[in-house]
């Protein structure tokens, strides 16, 4: 069983920033994350929405081009291409976080951790269960959307912040 000074459960902004700071203070650190680094902000919130806002600004600029003597035609876009661009932006930023962890000699375990009072952490990975020990544990487990318990909702299509920015098959007019 590997031992660390600090184990961080969660690879979002709270988790990876805390991990980097601890490593800079000379601590041995492991980040345990079962999903993608960057958390809700990078993968399902801030960054996807900012990517779409940038798209909207570009469309507005094109539509106002005539003010500068530039003639354009109707603006068309491909939703799948937009989502692919959005994913590329997120992938690049996740790679940056991964690089920061590596540069600061922070270990990473891909899996879902469960902390115990004994300071042991069991991590469910794709290959089974890994155990680590840490003197200190930082819980930075993030958030997930709340879906209200409305009768019949489970049988209807609905979107949450985890799904809205990744809808495929949507087409412009």
C-alpha atoms as a PDB file:
ATOM      1  CA  UNK A   1       0.000   0.000   0.000  1.00  0.00           C
ATOM      2  CA  UNK A   2       1.398   3.392  -1.050  1.00  0.00           C
ATOM      3  CA  UNK A   3       1.486   6.122   1.585  1.00  0.00           C
ATOM      4  CA  UNK A   4       1.238   9.862   1.032  1.00  0.00           C
ATOM      5  CA  UNK A   5       1.279  12.959   3.172  1.00  0.00           C
ATOM      6  CA  UNK A   6      -1.944  14.126   1.505  1.00  0.00           C
ATOM      7  CA  UNK A   7      -4.628  12.397  -0.546  1.00  0.00           C
ATOM      8  CA  UNK A   8      -7.062  14.565  -2.472  1.00  0.00           C
ATOM      9  CA  UNK A   9     -10.395  13.022  -3.426  1.00  0.00           C
ATOM     10  CA  UNK A  10     -11.528  15.007  -6.433  1.00  0.00           C
ATOM     11  CA  UNK A  11      -9.709  16.428  -9.439  1.00  0.00           C
ATOM     12  CA  UNK A  12     -11.743  19.583  -9.947  1.00  0.00           C
ATOM     13  CA  UNK A  13     -10.540  23.133  -9.280  1.00  0.00           C
ATOM     14  CA  UNK A  14     -10.671  22.702  -5.501  1.00  0.00           C
ATOM     15  CA  UNK A  15      -8.822  19.402  -5.591  1.00  0.00           C
ATOM     16  CA  UNK A  16      -6.073  19.923  -8.115  1.00  0.00           C
ATOM     17  CA  UNK A  17      -5.236  23.425  -6.837  1.00  0.00           C
ATOM     18  CA  UNK A  18      -4.960  22.097  -3.262  1.00  0.00           C
ATOM     19  CA  UNK A  19      -2.815  19.217  -4.509  1.00  0.00           C
ATOM     20  CA  UNK A  20      -0.427  21.537  -6.359  1.00  0.00           C
ATOM     21  CA  UNK A  21      -0.114  23.846  -3.359  1.00  0.00           C
ATOM     22  CA  UNK A  22       0.617  20.913  -1.032  1.00  0.00           C
ATOM     23  CA  UNK A  23       3.236  19.549  -3.444  1.00  0.00           C
ATOM     24  CA  UNK A  24       4.899  22.977  -3.635  1.00  0.00           C
ATOM     25  CA  UNK A  25       5.102  22.871   0.172  1.00  0.00           C
ATOM     26  CA  UNK A  26       7.062  19.623  -0.100  1.00  0.00           C
ATOM     27  CA  UNK A  27       4.282  17.132   0.624  1.00  0.00           C
ATOM     28  CA  UNK A  28       3.823  13.824  -1.174  1.00  0.00           C
ATOM     29  CA  UNK A  29       0.391  14.001  -2.791  1.00  0.00           C
ATOM     30  CA  UNK A  30      -2.019  11.749  -4.649  1.00  0.00           C
ATOM     31  CA  UNK A  31      -5.130  12.928  -6.505  1.00  0.00           C
ATOM     32  CA  UNK A  32      -7.937  10.384  -6.755  1.00  0.00           C
ATOM     33  CA  UNK A  33     -10.482  11.128  -9.476  1.00  0.00           C
ATOM     34  CA  UNK A  34     -12.893   8.738 -11.149  1.00  0.00           C
ATOM     35  CA  UNK A  35     -13.880  11.036 -13.988  1.00  0.00           C
ATOM     36  CA  UNK A  36     -12.042  13.674 -15.985  1.00  0.00           C
ATOM     37  CA  UNK A  37      -9.760  16.213 -14.325  1.00  0.00           C
ATOM     38  CA  UNK A  38     -11.206  19.703 -14.127  1.00  0.00           C
ATOM     39  CA  UNK A  39     -14.501  18.876 -12.458  1.00  0.00           C
ATOM     40  CA  UNK A  40     -17.862  20.379 -13.265  1.00  0.00           C
ATOM     41  CA  UNK A  41     -16.460  23.765 -14.297  1.00  0.00           C
ATOM     42  CA  UNK A  42     -14.171  22.451 -17.003  1.00  0.00           C
ATOM     43  CA  UNK A  43     -16.241  19.509 -18.238  1.00  0.00           C
ATOM     44  CA  UNK A  44     -19.905  20.420 -17.774  1.00  0.00           C
ATOM     45  CA  UNK A  45     -20.205  24.085 -16.875  1.00  0.00           C
ATOM     46  CA  UNK A  46     -17.987  27.133 -17.212  1.00  0.00           C
ATOM     47  CA  UNK A  47     -15.780  26.070 -20.100  1.00  0.00           C
ATOM     48  CA  UNK A  48     -18.488  24.541 -22.328  1.00  0.00           C
ATOM     49  CA  UNK A  49     -20.692  27.590 -21.768  1.00  0.00           C
ATOM     50  CA  UNK A  50     -17.824  29.996 -22.517  1.00  0.00           C
ATOM     51  CA  UNK A  51     -17.048  28.075 -25.698  1.00  0.00           C
ATOM     52  CA  UNK A  52     -20.663  28.542 -26.819  1.00  0.00           C
ATOM     53  CA  UNK A  53     -20.580  32.224 -25.822  1.00  0.00           C
ATOM     54  CA  UNK A  54     -17.471  32.678 -27.961  1.00  0.00           C
ATOM     55  CA  UNK A  55     -19.363  31.068 -30.854  1.00  0.00           C
ATOM     56  CA  UNK A  56     -22.274  33.478 -30.337  1.00  0.00           C
ATOM     57  CA  UNK A  57     -19.866  36.441 -30.336  1.00  0.00           C
ATOM     58  CA  UNK A  58     -18.314  35.200 -33.592  1.00  0.00           C
ATOM     59  CA  UNK A  59     -21.762  34.889 -35.214  1.00  0.00           C
ATOM     60  CA  UNK A  60     -22.668  38.395 -34.047  1.00  0.00           C
ATOM     61  CA  UNK A  61     -19.423  39.777 -35.482  1.00  0.00           C
ATOM     62  CA  UNK A  62     -20.108  38.095 -38.828  1.00  0.00           C
ATOM     63  CA  UNK A  63     -23.672  39.439 -38.886  1.00  0.00           C
ATOM     64  CA  UNK A  64     -22.401  42.982 -38.266  1.00  0.00           C
ATOM     65  CA  UNK A  65     -19.633  42.731 -40.895  1.00  0.00           C
ATOM     66  CA  UNK A  66     -21.628  44.879 -43.347  1.00  0.00           C
ATOM     67  CA  UNK A  67     -20.919  47.887 -41.101  1.00  0.00           C
ATOM     68  CA  UNK A  68     -17.277  47.517 -42.186  1.00  0.00           C
ATOM     69  CA  UNK A  69     -18.128  47.012 -45.846  1.00  0.00           C
ATOM     70  CA  UNK A  70     -17.881  43.226 -45.740  1.00  0.00           C
ATOM     71  CA  UNK A  71     -20.674  41.379 -47.455  1.00  0.00           C
ATOM     72  CA  UNK A  72     -21.589  37.994 -45.988  1.00  0.00           C
ATOM     73  CA  UNK A  73     -24.294  35.451 -46.606  1.00  0.00           C
ATOM     74  CA  UNK A  74     -26.529  33.650 -44.156  1.00  0.00           C
ATOM     75  CA  UNK A  75     -24.640  32.249 -41.179  1.00  0.00           C
ATOM     76  CA  UNK A  76     -24.794  28.475 -40.952  1.00  0.00           C
ATOM     77  CA  UNK A  77     -23.152  26.180 -38.467  1.00  0.00           C
ATOM     78  CA  UNK A  78     -22.831  22.486 -37.733  1.00  0.00           C
ATOM     79  CA  UNK A  79     -23.751  21.526 -34.183  1.00  0.00           C
ATOM     80  CA  UNK A  80     -21.571  18.407 -34.194  1.00  0.00           C
ATOM     81  CA  UNK A  81     -18.556  20.474 -35.292  1.00  0.00           C
ATOM     82  CA  UNK A  82     -19.294  22.980 -32.521  1.00  0.00           C
ATOM     83  CA  UNK A  83     -19.426  20.198 -29.929  1.00  0.00           C
ATOM     84  CA  UNK A  84     -16.202  18.732 -31.317  1.00  0.00           C
ATOM     85  CA  UNK A  85     -14.522  22.149 -30.901  1.00  0.00           C
ATOM     86  CA  UNK A  86     -15.910  22.373 -27.380  1.00  0.00           C
ATOM     87  CA  UNK A  87     -14.481  18.921 -26.563  1.00  0.00           C
ATOM     88  CA  UNK A  88     -11.086  19.893 -28.013  1.00  0.00           C
ATOM     89  CA  UNK A  89     -10.954  22.985 -25.784  1.00  0.00           C
ATOM     90  CA  UNK A  90     -11.824  20.871 -22.732  1.00  0.00           C
ATOM     91  CA  UNK A  91      -9.292  18.183 -23.704  1.00  0.00           C
ATOM     92  CA  UNK A  92      -6.542  20.793 -24.026  1.00  0.00           C
ATOM     93  CA  UNK A  93      -7.337  22.251 -20.597  1.00  0.00           C
ATOM     94  CA  UNK A  94      -7.499  18.782 -18.989  1.00  0.00           C
ATOM     95  CA  UNK A  95      -4.084  18.076 -20.513  1.00  0.00           C
ATOM     96  CA  UNK A  96      -2.797  21.260 -18.918  1.00  0.00           C
ATOM     97  CA  UNK A  97      -4.013  20.127 -15.505  1.00  0.00           C
ATOM     98  CA  UNK A  98      -2.450  16.695 -16.034  1.00  0.00           C
ATOM     99  CA  UNK A  99       0.818  18.424 -16.947  1.00  0.00           C
ATOM    100  CA  UNK A 100       0.705  20.527 -13.780  1.00  0.00           C
ATOM    101  CA  UNK A 101       0.185  17.403 -11.669  1.00  0.00           C
ATOM    102  CA  UNK A 102       3.117  15.679 -13.367  1.00  0.00           C
ATOM    103  CA  UNK A 103       5.370  18.748 -13.093  1.00  0.00           C
ATOM    104  CA  UNK A 104       4.694  18.847  -9.363  1.00  0.00           C
ATOM    105  CA  UNK A 105       5.291  15.077  -8.953  1.00  0.00           C
ATOM    106  CA  UNK A 106       1.701  14.455  -7.874  1.00  0.00           C
ATOM    107  CA  UNK A 107       0.482  10.883  -8.230  1.00  0.00           C
ATOM    108  CA  UNK A 108      -2.876  10.229  -9.836  1.00  0.00           C
ATOM    109  CA  UNK A 109      -5.220   7.311  -9.377  1.00  0.00           C
ATOM    110  CA  UNK A 110      -8.141   7.010 -11.776  1.00  0.00           C
ATOM    111  CA  UNK A 111     -11.009   5.721  -9.706  1.00  0.00           C
ATOM    112  CA  UNK A 112     -13.580   6.501  -7.057  1.00  0.00           C
ATOM    113  CA  UNK A 113     -12.202   6.776  -3.528  1.00  0.00           C
ATOM    114  CA  UNK A 114     -13.753   5.944  -0.212  1.00  0.00           C
ATOM    115  CA  UNK A 115     -11.982   7.325   2.876  1.00  0.00           C
ATOM    116  CA  UNK A 116     -11.970   5.577   6.253  1.00  0.00           C
ATOM    117  CA  UNK A 117     -11.168   6.898   9.752  1.00  0.00           C
ATOM    118  CA  UNK A 118      -8.000   4.776   9.687  1.00  0.00           C
ATOM    119  CA  UNK A 119      -6.713   7.189   6.991  1.00  0.00           C
ATOM    120  CA  UNK A 120      -6.870   4.430   4.441  1.00  0.00           C
ATOM    121  CA  UNK A 121      -8.582   5.058   1.152  1.00  0.00           C
ATOM    122  CA  UNK A 122     -10.030   2.347  -1.032  1.00  0.00           C
ATOM    123  CA  UNK A 123     -10.115   3.312  -4.680  1.00  0.00           C
ATOM    124  CA  UNK A 124     -12.385   1.431  -7.061  1.00  0.00           C
ATOM    125  CA  UNK A 125     -10.555   1.407 -10.390  1.00  0.00           C
ATOM    126  CA  UNK A 126     -11.271  -0.390 -13.620  1.00  0.00           C
ATOM    127  CA  UNK A 127      -8.844  -3.101 -12.477  1.00  0.00           C
ATOM    128  CA  UNK A 128     -10.316  -3.677  -9.008  1.00  0.00           C
ATOM    129  CA  UNK A 129      -9.597  -1.966  -5.713  1.00  0.00           C
ATOM    130  CA  UNK A 130      -6.395  -0.105  -4.844  1.00  0.00           C
ATOM    131  CA  UNK A 131      -5.624   0.987  -1.298  1.00  0.00           C
ATOM    132  CA  UNK A 132      -3.570   3.989  -0.237  1.00  0.00           C
ATOM    133  CA  UNK A 133      -2.838   5.619   3.082  1.00  0.00           C
ATOM    134  CA  UNK A 134      -2.537   9.348   3.780  1.00  0.00           C
ATOM    135  CA  UNK A 135      -1.826  11.427   6.853  1.00  0.00           C
ATOM    136  CA  UNK A 136      -4.317  14.038   5.661  1.00  0.00           C
ATOM    137  CA  UNK A 137      -7.267  13.732   3.311  1.00  0.00           C
ATOM    138  CA  UNK A 138      -8.808  16.600   1.380  1.00  0.00           C
ATOM    139  CA  UNK A 139     -12.366  16.011   0.231  1.00  0.00           C
ATOM    140  CA  UNK A 140     -12.967  18.012  -2.928  1.00  0.00           C
ATOM    141  CA  UNK A 141     -15.659  15.821  -4.409  1.00  0.00           C
ATOM    142  CA  UNK A 142     -17.523  18.521  -6.283  1.00  0.00           C
ATOM    143  CA  UNK A 143     -21.158  18.592  -7.193  1.00  0.00           C
ATOM    144  CA  UNK A 144     -23.828  16.978  -9.286  1.00  0.00           C
ATOM    145  CA  UNK A 145     -27.164  18.344 -10.453  1.00  0.00           C
ATOM    146  CA  UNK A 146     -30.232  17.883  -8.309  1.00  0.00           C
ATOM    147  CA  UNK A 147     -33.186  16.421 -10.165  1.00  0.00           C
ATOM    148  CA  UNK A 148     -36.388  17.114  -8.235  1.00  0.00           C
ATOM    149  CA  UNK A 149     -38.525  14.080  -7.373  1.00  0.00           C
ATOM    150  CA  UNK A 150     -41.358  14.883  -9.778  1.00  0.00           C
ATOM    151  CA  UNK A 151     -43.633  11.957 -10.516  1.00  0.00           C
ATOM    152  CA  UNK A 152     -43.198  10.783 -14.109  1.00  0.00           C
ATOM    153  CA  UNK A 153     -40.053  12.829 -14.759  1.00  0.00           C
ATOM    154  CA  UNK A 154     -37.939   9.715 -15.240  1.00  0.00           C
ATOM    155  CA  UNK A 155     -39.972   8.849 -18.334  1.00  0.00           C
ATOM    156  CA  UNK A 156     -39.515  12.246 -19.980  1.00  0.00           C
ATOM    157  CA  UNK A 157     -36.537  13.775 -21.771  1.00  0.00           C
ATOM    158  CA  UNK A 158     -34.926  16.503 -19.686  1.00  0.00           C
ATOM    159  CA  UNK A 159     -31.542  18.181 -19.454  1.00  0.00           C
ATOM    160  CA  UNK A 160     -29.271  19.001 -16.533  1.00  0.00           C
ATOM    161  CA  UNK A 161     -26.032  20.948 -16.383  1.00  0.00           C
ATOM    162  CA  UNK A 162     -24.254  17.602 -16.888  1.00  0.00           C
ATOM    163  CA  UNK A 163     -25.983  16.954 -20.215  1.00  0.00           C
ATOM    164  CA  UNK A 164     -27.062  20.254 -21.797  1.00  0.00           C
ATOM    165  CA  UNK A 165     -23.674  21.176 -23.288  1.00  0.00           C
ATOM    166  CA  UNK A 166     -23.187  17.762 -24.872  1.00  0.00           C
ATOM    167  CA  UNK A 167     -26.451  17.305 -26.783  1.00  0.00           C
ATOM    168  CA  UNK A 168     -25.881  15.660 -30.148  1.00  0.00           C
ATOM    169  CA  UNK A 169     -28.285  15.761 -33.045  1.00  0.00           C
ATOM    170  CA  UNK A 170     -29.308  19.387 -32.458  1.00  0.00           C
ATOM    171  CA  UNK A 171     -29.478  21.401 -35.672  1.00  0.00           C
ATOM    172  CA  UNK A 172     -29.620  25.084 -36.478  1.00  0.00           C
ATOM    173  CA  UNK A 173     -32.428  26.477 -38.562  1.00  0.00           C
END
